[in-house]
N, C-alpha and C. Protein backbone atom coordinates (compact mmCIF):
# COMPACT_ATOMS: atom_id res chain seq x y z
N MET A 1 81.76 -41.35 -107.16
CA MET A 1 81.33 -40.01 -107.38
C MET A 1 80.23 -39.30 -107.62
N LEU A 2 79.26 -39.91 -107.93
CA LEU A 2 78.04 -39.48 -107.56
C LEU A 2 77.09 -39.43 -106.64
N ALA A 3 77.94 -40.00 -105.94
CA ALA A 3 77.25 -40.29 -104.07
C ALA A 3 77.77 -38.65 -103.69
N ILE A 4 79.15 -38.34 -103.93
CA ILE A 4 79.75 -37.09 -103.48
C ILE A 4 79.27 -35.79 -104.08
N ALA A 5 78.66 -36.00 -105.07
CA ALA A 5 78.03 -34.87 -105.86
C ALA A 5 76.92 -34.61 -105.36
N SER A 6 75.72 -35.87 -105.02
CA SER A 6 74.96 -35.53 -104.54
C SER A 6 74.79 -35.06 -102.87
N ILE A 7 75.86 -35.35 -102.08
CA ILE A 7 75.83 -34.82 -100.72
C ILE A 7 76.38 -33.33 -100.91
N ILE A 8 77.44 -33.00 -101.76
CA ILE A 8 77.37 -31.48 -102.05
C ILE A 8 76.36 -30.95 -102.51
N THR A 9 75.34 -31.04 -103.40
CA THR A 9 74.45 -30.50 -103.77
C THR A 9 73.26 -30.52 -102.43
N VAL A 10 73.13 -31.62 -101.97
CA VAL A 10 72.11 -31.54 -100.59
C VAL A 10 72.78 -30.50 -99.82
N LEU A 11 74.03 -30.18 -99.25
CA LEU A 11 74.37 -29.25 -98.79
C LEU A 11 74.55 -27.90 -99.01
N ALA A 12 74.41 -27.76 -100.04
CA ALA A 12 74.73 -26.71 -100.78
C ALA A 12 73.31 -25.91 -101.11
N VAL A 13 72.27 -26.42 -101.28
CA VAL A 13 71.03 -25.77 -101.99
C VAL A 13 70.52 -25.03 -100.70
N PRO A 14 70.10 -25.35 -99.78
CA PRO A 14 69.85 -24.64 -98.46
C PRO A 14 70.55 -23.37 -98.37
N SER A 15 71.75 -23.40 -98.26
CA SER A 15 72.45 -22.26 -98.13
C SER A 15 72.43 -21.32 -99.43
N PHE A 16 72.23 -22.02 -100.51
CA PHE A 16 72.17 -21.13 -101.59
C PHE A 16 70.73 -20.56 -102.00
N GLN A 17 69.78 -21.24 -101.30
CA GLN A 17 68.29 -20.49 -100.98
C GLN A 17 68.44 -19.18 -100.30
N ASP A 18 69.09 -19.37 -99.20
CA ASP A 18 69.59 -18.32 -98.19
C ASP A 18 69.94 -17.09 -98.74
N THR A 19 71.00 -17.61 -99.67
CA THR A 19 71.61 -16.20 -100.35
C THR A 19 70.78 -15.57 -101.01
N ILE A 20 70.01 -16.47 -101.90
CA ILE A 20 69.09 -15.68 -102.80
C ILE A 20 68.24 -14.79 -101.95
N GLU A 21 67.52 -15.22 -100.88
CA GLU A 21 66.56 -14.65 -100.32
C GLU A 21 67.08 -13.28 -99.57
N ARG A 22 68.17 -13.26 -99.32
CA ARG A 22 68.86 -12.29 -98.62
C ARG A 22 69.15 -11.09 -99.68
N GLN A 23 69.54 -11.67 -101.16
CA GLN A 23 69.80 -10.63 -102.16
C GLN A 23 68.56 -10.05 -102.66
N LYS A 24 67.33 -10.69 -102.42
CA LYS A 24 66.03 -10.36 -102.68
C LYS A 24 65.38 -9.22 -101.61
N LEU A 25 65.76 -9.63 -100.59
CA LEU A 25 65.73 -8.65 -99.24
C LEU A 25 66.51 -7.04 -99.47
N SER A 26 67.64 -7.66 -99.86
CA SER A 26 68.31 -6.41 -99.96
C SER A 26 68.20 -5.24 -101.08
N ALA A 27 67.40 -6.00 -102.46
CA ALA A 27 67.22 -5.44 -103.57
C ALA A 27 65.67 -4.62 -103.09
N ALA A 28 65.07 -5.27 -102.51
CA ALA A 28 63.82 -4.49 -102.13
C ALA A 28 63.83 -3.63 -101.17
N SER A 29 64.19 -3.69 -100.24
CA SER A 29 64.44 -2.64 -99.05
C SER A 29 65.25 -1.47 -99.66
N SER A 30 66.30 -1.53 -100.57
CA SER A 30 67.12 -0.37 -101.02
C SER A 30 66.17 0.16 -102.00
N ASP A 31 65.65 -0.57 -102.92
CA ASP A 31 64.36 0.11 -103.86
C ASP A 31 63.44 0.87 -103.14
N LEU A 32 62.93 0.44 -102.06
CA LEU A 32 61.97 1.60 -101.15
C LEU A 32 62.82 2.50 -100.49
N TYR A 33 63.87 2.59 -100.07
CA TYR A 33 64.58 3.26 -99.46
C TYR A 33 64.93 4.49 -100.50
N ALA A 34 65.32 4.21 -101.69
CA ALA A 34 65.89 4.93 -102.98
C ALA A 34 64.40 5.79 -103.09
N SER A 35 63.52 5.14 -103.00
CA SER A 35 61.92 6.16 -103.49
C SER A 35 61.63 6.88 -102.65
N VAL A 36 61.60 6.50 -101.32
CA VAL A 36 61.61 7.35 -100.18
C VAL A 36 62.21 8.77 -100.32
N ALA A 37 63.84 8.35 -100.51
CA ALA A 37 64.71 9.56 -100.61
C ALA A 37 64.47 10.29 -101.88
N MET A 38 63.79 9.64 -103.18
CA MET A 38 63.50 10.66 -104.21
C MET A 38 62.33 11.37 -104.16
N THR A 39 61.22 10.71 -103.36
CA THR A 39 59.86 11.59 -103.22
C THR A 39 60.43 12.75 -102.18
N ARG A 40 61.34 12.66 -101.08
CA ARG A 40 61.76 13.88 -100.38
C ARG A 40 62.70 14.82 -101.36
N ASN A 41 63.37 14.31 -101.90
CA ASN A 41 63.96 15.16 -102.71
C ASN A 41 63.52 15.79 -103.73
N GLU A 42 62.57 15.24 -104.20
CA GLU A 42 61.66 15.62 -105.52
C GLU A 42 60.56 17.24 -104.69
N ALA A 43 60.31 16.73 -103.33
CA ALA A 43 59.11 17.85 -103.00
C ALA A 43 60.38 18.84 -102.50
N ILE A 44 61.42 18.60 -102.08
CA ILE A 44 62.41 19.72 -101.72
C ILE A 44 62.53 20.60 -103.00
N ARG A 45 62.84 19.98 -104.06
CA ARG A 45 63.43 20.49 -105.25
C ARG A 45 62.41 21.53 -106.01
N ARG A 46 61.14 20.94 -105.81
CA ARG A 46 59.61 21.50 -106.28
C ARG A 46 59.06 22.79 -105.26
N GLY A 47 59.80 22.55 -104.19
CA GLY A 47 58.80 23.24 -103.33
C GLY A 47 57.64 23.13 -102.56
N GLY A 48 57.22 21.73 -103.11
CA GLY A 48 55.78 21.37 -102.85
C GLY A 48 55.64 19.92 -102.53
N ARG A 49 54.51 19.67 -102.45
CA ARG A 49 53.83 18.41 -101.86
C ARG A 49 54.17 17.11 -103.12
N VAL A 50 54.84 16.30 -102.64
CA VAL A 50 55.20 15.03 -103.42
C VAL A 50 54.70 13.60 -102.56
N ASP A 51 54.12 12.93 -103.21
CA ASP A 51 53.35 11.75 -102.70
C ASP A 51 54.15 10.14 -103.01
N LEU A 52 54.37 9.30 -102.10
CA LEU A 52 54.89 8.11 -102.24
C LEU A 52 53.52 7.29 -101.70
N LYS A 53 52.86 6.37 -102.72
CA LYS A 53 51.60 5.49 -102.28
C LYS A 53 52.05 4.08 -102.78
N ALA A 54 51.50 3.51 -102.16
CA ALA A 54 51.29 2.05 -102.52
C ALA A 54 50.20 1.74 -103.37
N ILE A 55 50.99 0.78 -104.16
CA ILE A 55 49.72 0.62 -105.70
C ILE A 55 48.72 -0.55 -105.22
N SER A 56 47.60 -0.10 -105.59
CA SER A 56 46.44 -0.73 -104.75
C SER A 56 46.18 -1.20 -103.31
N ASP A 57 46.97 -0.04 -102.75
CA ASP A 57 46.97 0.03 -101.08
C ASP A 57 47.76 -1.22 -100.37
N ASN A 58 48.74 -1.95 -101.13
CA ASN A 58 49.41 -2.65 -100.86
C ASN A 58 51.06 -2.51 -101.36
N TRP A 59 51.91 -2.35 -100.55
CA TRP A 59 53.46 -2.41 -100.65
C TRP A 59 53.72 -3.05 -101.49
N ASN A 60 53.36 -4.27 -101.01
CA ASN A 60 53.96 -5.50 -101.94
C ASN A 60 53.97 -5.55 -102.96
N ASN A 61 52.50 -4.83 -103.60
CA ASN A 61 52.34 -4.75 -105.32
C ASN A 61 53.18 -3.50 -106.13
N GLY A 62 53.93 -2.67 -105.03
CA GLY A 62 54.61 -1.66 -105.62
C GLY A 62 54.42 -0.56 -105.16
N TRP A 63 54.92 0.36 -105.62
CA TRP A 63 54.60 1.74 -105.36
C TRP A 63 54.75 2.81 -106.13
N GLU A 64 54.23 4.21 -105.99
CA GLU A 64 54.21 5.12 -107.38
C GLU A 64 54.63 6.31 -106.53
N ILE A 65 55.52 7.53 -107.12
CA ILE A 65 55.54 8.83 -106.88
C ILE A 65 54.93 9.68 -107.24
N THR A 66 53.90 10.62 -106.65
CA THR A 66 53.32 11.36 -107.74
C THR A 66 53.15 12.60 -107.38
N ILE A 67 52.63 13.74 -108.10
CA ILE A 67 52.50 15.24 -107.62
C ILE A 67 51.33 15.60 -107.65
N PRO A 68 50.54 15.98 -106.77
CA PRO A 68 48.96 16.37 -106.85
C PRO A 68 48.69 17.46 -107.64
N THR A 69 48.11 17.60 -108.79
CA THR A 69 48.00 18.35 -109.69
C THR A 69 46.57 19.07 -109.65
N GLY A 70 45.56 18.58 -108.50
CA GLY A 70 44.52 19.50 -108.23
C GLY A 70 43.54 18.61 -108.63
N ASP A 71 42.26 18.92 -108.38
CA ASP A 71 41.04 18.39 -108.87
C ASP A 71 41.00 16.84 -108.60
N ASN A 72 41.68 16.19 -107.24
CA ASN A 72 41.71 15.31 -107.00
C ASN A 72 42.59 14.22 -108.22
N THR A 73 43.71 15.08 -109.00
CA THR A 73 44.67 14.06 -109.89
C THR A 73 45.83 14.58 -109.43
N SER A 74 46.85 13.48 -110.06
CA SER A 74 48.11 13.90 -110.02
C SER A 74 48.95 13.34 -111.21
N GLU A 75 50.19 13.66 -110.98
CA GLU A 75 51.10 13.40 -111.96
C GLU A 75 51.92 12.29 -111.53
N GLN A 76 52.15 11.41 -112.47
CA GLN A 76 52.89 10.16 -111.81
C GLN A 76 54.58 10.41 -112.34
N ILE A 77 55.47 10.54 -111.39
CA ILE A 77 56.70 10.42 -112.07
C ILE A 77 57.80 9.34 -112.02
N TYR A 78 57.15 8.36 -111.18
CA TYR A 78 57.93 7.11 -111.01
C TYR A 78 57.15 5.98 -110.59
N THR A 79 57.54 4.73 -111.24
CA THR A 79 56.69 3.65 -110.54
C THR A 79 57.53 2.55 -110.42
N HIS A 80 57.33 1.69 -109.18
CA HIS A 80 58.24 0.72 -108.83
C HIS A 80 57.07 -0.45 -108.79
N GLY A 81 57.68 -1.55 -109.57
CA GLY A 81 56.68 -2.62 -109.61
C GLY A 81 56.68 -3.74 -108.48
N PRO A 82 56.16 -4.63 -108.64
CA PRO A 82 56.11 -5.70 -106.95
C PRO A 82 57.22 -6.01 -106.78
N VAL A 83 57.29 -6.34 -105.26
CA VAL A 83 58.53 -6.58 -104.69
C VAL A 83 58.61 -8.38 -104.92
N PRO A 84 60.05 -8.92 -104.95
CA PRO A 84 60.66 -9.99 -105.61
C PRO A 84 59.61 -11.13 -104.63
N THR A 85 59.07 -12.26 -105.25
CA THR A 85 58.39 -13.37 -104.79
C THR A 85 59.37 -13.95 -103.52
N GLY A 86 58.76 -13.89 -102.33
CA GLY A 86 59.25 -14.59 -101.26
C GLY A 86 59.74 -13.09 -100.06
N ILE A 87 59.17 -12.07 -100.41
CA ILE A 87 59.65 -11.00 -99.66
C ILE A 87 58.19 -10.43 -99.50
N ALA A 88 58.15 -9.78 -98.22
CA ALA A 88 56.93 -9.09 -97.40
C ALA A 88 56.97 -7.86 -96.95
N ILE A 89 56.15 -6.67 -97.05
CA ILE A 89 56.51 -5.71 -96.66
C ILE A 89 55.27 -5.01 -95.97
N ALA A 90 55.41 -5.02 -94.83
CA ALA A 90 54.20 -4.64 -93.59
C ALA A 90 53.97 -3.20 -93.83
N VAL A 91 52.56 -2.90 -93.65
CA VAL A 91 52.22 -1.35 -93.73
C VAL A 91 52.59 -0.83 -92.42
N PRO A 92 53.23 0.35 -92.75
CA PRO A 92 53.83 1.11 -91.40
C PRO A 92 52.81 1.88 -90.66
N ASP A 93 53.07 2.44 -89.59
CA ASP A 93 51.72 3.29 -89.06
C ASP A 93 51.22 4.22 -89.60
N PHE A 94 51.95 4.94 -90.76
CA PHE A 94 51.24 6.00 -91.56
C PHE A 94 50.52 5.39 -92.59
N GLY A 95 50.45 4.20 -92.77
CA GLY A 95 49.34 3.59 -93.94
C GLY A 95 49.87 3.33 -95.39
N THR A 96 49.49 3.43 -96.22
CA THR A 96 49.58 3.23 -97.41
C THR A 96 50.39 4.31 -98.54
N SER A 97 50.26 5.74 -97.74
CA SER A 97 50.81 6.51 -98.46
C SER A 97 51.76 7.23 -97.41
N LEU A 98 52.87 8.26 -98.16
CA LEU A 98 53.80 8.98 -97.43
C LEU A 98 53.41 10.39 -98.55
N SER A 99 53.50 11.53 -97.62
CA SER A 99 53.50 12.62 -98.32
C SER A 99 54.91 13.72 -97.36
N TYR A 100 55.53 14.38 -98.36
CA TYR A 100 56.69 15.35 -97.85
C TYR A 100 56.04 16.63 -98.72
N ASN A 101 56.40 17.59 -97.83
CA ASN A 101 56.10 18.99 -98.47
C ASN A 101 57.66 19.51 -98.81
N GLY A 102 57.41 20.81 -99.22
CA GLY A 102 58.46 21.31 -99.94
C GLY A 102 59.59 21.73 -99.06
N THR A 103 59.39 21.25 -97.35
CA THR A 103 60.64 21.47 -96.72
C THR A 103 61.38 20.48 -96.44
N GLY A 104 60.73 19.18 -97.08
CA GLY A 104 61.49 17.91 -96.76
C GLY A 104 60.88 17.12 -95.55
N ARG A 105 59.72 17.68 -95.14
CA ARG A 105 59.28 17.09 -93.91
C ARG A 105 57.97 16.18 -94.31
N THR A 106 57.79 15.08 -93.64
CA THR A 106 56.62 14.16 -93.89
C THR A 106 55.07 14.84 -93.04
N ARG A 107 54.14 14.90 -93.98
CA ARG A 107 52.65 15.17 -93.60
C ARG A 107 52.04 14.11 -93.64
N THR A 108 50.90 13.90 -92.53
CA THR A 108 49.90 13.07 -92.99
C THR A 108 48.86 13.48 -94.24
N ASP A 109 47.86 12.84 -94.63
CA ASP A 109 46.78 13.08 -95.61
C ASP A 109 45.83 13.89 -94.89
N ASP A 110 45.67 13.64 -93.85
CA ASP A 110 44.53 14.02 -93.09
C ASP A 110 44.94 15.51 -92.55
N ASN A 111 46.08 15.54 -92.06
CA ASN A 111 46.60 16.97 -91.72
C ASN A 111 48.13 17.31 -91.59
N SER A 112 47.77 18.84 -92.64
CA SER A 112 49.50 18.77 -93.14
C SER A 112 50.37 19.73 -92.33
N GLN A 113 49.62 19.51 -90.93
CA GLN A 113 50.68 20.12 -89.77
C GLN A 113 50.80 18.94 -89.04
N VAL A 114 50.54 17.63 -89.16
CA VAL A 114 50.98 16.45 -88.46
C VAL A 114 52.00 15.62 -89.23
N PRO A 115 53.13 15.69 -88.81
CA PRO A 115 54.16 15.12 -89.59
C PRO A 115 53.69 13.18 -89.39
N ALA A 116 54.49 12.33 -90.50
CA ALA A 116 53.78 11.06 -90.52
C ALA A 116 55.09 10.37 -90.06
N THR A 117 55.32 9.47 -89.18
CA THR A 117 56.44 8.52 -89.02
C THR A 117 56.16 7.51 -88.78
N GLY A 118 56.91 6.66 -88.83
CA GLY A 118 56.48 5.20 -88.95
C GLY A 118 57.76 4.02 -89.40
N VAL A 119 57.64 2.97 -89.62
CA VAL A 119 58.74 1.81 -89.93
C VAL A 119 58.30 1.09 -90.49
N TRP A 120 58.51 0.64 -91.86
CA TRP A 120 58.26 -0.44 -92.71
C TRP A 120 59.34 -1.28 -92.10
N ILE A 121 58.47 -2.85 -92.29
CA ILE A 121 59.16 -3.75 -91.99
C ILE A 121 59.70 -4.79 -93.02
N ILE A 122 60.39 -4.80 -94.07
CA ILE A 122 60.69 -5.77 -94.87
C ILE A 122 61.43 -6.80 -94.51
N LYS A 123 60.89 -8.10 -94.87
CA LYS A 123 61.14 -9.51 -94.71
C LYS A 123 61.18 -10.47 -95.48
N VAL A 124 61.89 -11.46 -95.39
CA VAL A 124 61.72 -12.40 -96.11
C VAL A 124 60.37 -13.41 -95.56
N ASN A 125 59.75 -13.62 -96.22
CA ASN A 125 58.54 -14.37 -95.96
C ASN A 125 58.21 -15.87 -96.26
N ARG A 126 58.94 -16.35 -95.09
CA ARG A 126 59.42 -17.67 -95.02
C ARG A 126 59.36 -18.26 -93.58
N ALA A 127 58.52 -18.87 -92.84
CA ALA A 127 58.68 -19.47 -91.42
C ALA A 127 59.91 -19.62 -91.17
N GLY A 128 59.94 -18.75 -89.78
CA GLY A 128 61.66 -19.24 -89.45
C GLY A 128 62.92 -18.36 -90.12
N SER A 129 62.65 -17.79 -90.96
CA SER A 129 63.65 -16.87 -91.63
C SER A 129 63.82 -15.66 -90.62
N PRO A 130 65.24 -15.31 -90.31
CA PRO A 130 65.31 -14.00 -89.40
C PRO A 130 65.92 -13.13 -89.98
N HIS A 131 65.63 -12.86 -91.21
CA HIS A 131 66.13 -12.01 -92.31
C HIS A 131 65.06 -10.90 -92.36
N LYS A 132 65.59 -9.49 -92.11
CA LYS A 132 64.40 -8.71 -92.06
C LYS A 132 65.37 -7.16 -92.34
N ARG A 133 64.58 -6.04 -92.75
CA ARG A 133 65.34 -4.52 -92.80
C ARG A 133 63.88 -4.21 -92.57
N LEU A 134 64.76 -2.73 -91.72
CA LEU A 134 63.65 -1.81 -90.89
C LEU A 134 63.69 -0.48 -91.87
N LEU A 135 63.03 0.29 -92.55
CA LEU A 135 63.14 1.48 -92.89
C LEU A 135 62.24 2.25 -92.14
N GLN A 136 63.07 3.23 -91.70
CA GLN A 136 62.28 4.19 -90.61
C GLN A 136 62.28 5.45 -91.38
N ILE A 137 61.18 6.04 -90.88
CA ILE A 137 60.71 7.57 -91.19
C ILE A 137 60.86 8.59 -90.07
N ASN A 138 61.52 9.44 -89.50
CA ASN A 138 61.76 10.19 -88.27
C ASN A 138 60.99 11.20 -88.36
N THR A 139 60.91 12.08 -87.23
CA THR A 139 59.75 13.33 -87.25
C THR A 139 60.14 14.48 -88.30
N ILE A 140 61.39 14.36 -88.85
CA ILE A 140 61.95 15.41 -89.95
C ILE A 140 61.66 14.83 -91.43
N GLY A 141 61.64 13.67 -91.18
CA GLY A 141 60.93 13.19 -92.61
C GLY A 141 62.38 12.10 -93.11
N ARG A 142 63.51 12.04 -92.24
CA ARG A 142 64.63 11.18 -92.82
C ARG A 142 64.41 10.05 -92.92
N PRO A 143 64.85 9.20 -94.03
CA PRO A 143 64.51 8.02 -93.90
C PRO A 143 66.16 7.34 -93.23
N LEU A 144 65.84 6.10 -92.95
CA LEU A 144 66.82 5.43 -92.28
C LEU A 144 66.71 3.71 -92.46
N LEU A 145 67.48 2.96 -93.29
CA LEU A 145 67.42 1.88 -93.61
C LEU A 145 68.48 1.01 -92.86
N CYS A 146 67.80 -0.29 -91.81
CA CYS A 146 68.80 -0.75 -91.06
C CYS A 146 68.41 -2.31 -90.85
N ASN A 147 69.36 -2.83 -90.78
CA ASN A 147 69.53 -4.68 -90.43
C ASN A 147 69.44 -4.66 -88.61
N PRO A 148 68.31 -5.02 -88.33
CA PRO A 148 68.19 -5.05 -86.64
C PRO A 148 69.36 -6.36 -86.17
N ALA A 149 69.56 -7.34 -87.19
CA ALA A 149 70.52 -8.43 -86.71
C ALA A 149 71.81 -7.77 -86.07
N VAL A 150 72.41 -6.65 -87.31
CA VAL A 150 73.66 -6.45 -87.02
C VAL A 150 73.66 -5.19 -86.33
N ASP A 151 72.20 -3.85 -86.19
CA ASP A 151 72.70 -2.75 -85.72
C ASP A 151 71.87 -2.63 -84.42
N THR A 152 72.63 -2.50 -83.58
CA THR A 152 71.55 -2.20 -82.29
C THR A 152 70.77 -1.03 -81.90
N THR A 153 71.08 0.15 -82.94
CA THR A 153 70.20 1.56 -82.57
C THR A 153 68.97 1.22 -83.64
N CYS A 154 69.06 0.07 -84.55
CA CYS A 154 67.68 -0.15 -85.19
C CYS A 154 66.52 -0.76 -84.28
N VAL A 155 65.81 0.17 -84.35
CA VAL A 155 64.49 -0.33 -83.65
C VAL A 155 63.33 -0.55 -84.20
């Protein structure tokens, strides 16, 4: 009986670990997507700039949503803590901050006329793991969260 229980445990543990990793990935990518949507919605609601920034210039450390108040200061309206252990977020083309203006469009920090577009790659940080999600920001500022393993339009 003990041998059967041991065999079942040995077979179930890797599958259970994979399930936990996929759940962490789903939570982290959904949280980032919700924060992008919140940033965009706040910018539209307020009719002005709202920023989403990586904490300590690293998305894995978490992020915050802020409103510039002038004199290089800002009001923090939301903070998200670090992503779960075993999950990694790659820096997108626009870097460690994303700004939305009052029309709901993204802009770079350097130029308020240039849209910020890019893709976050959120993945399980284990060698050989195929699990990842892409969070894309298009030229008009809309976020799209997708799974490249099942969505052929996911770039």
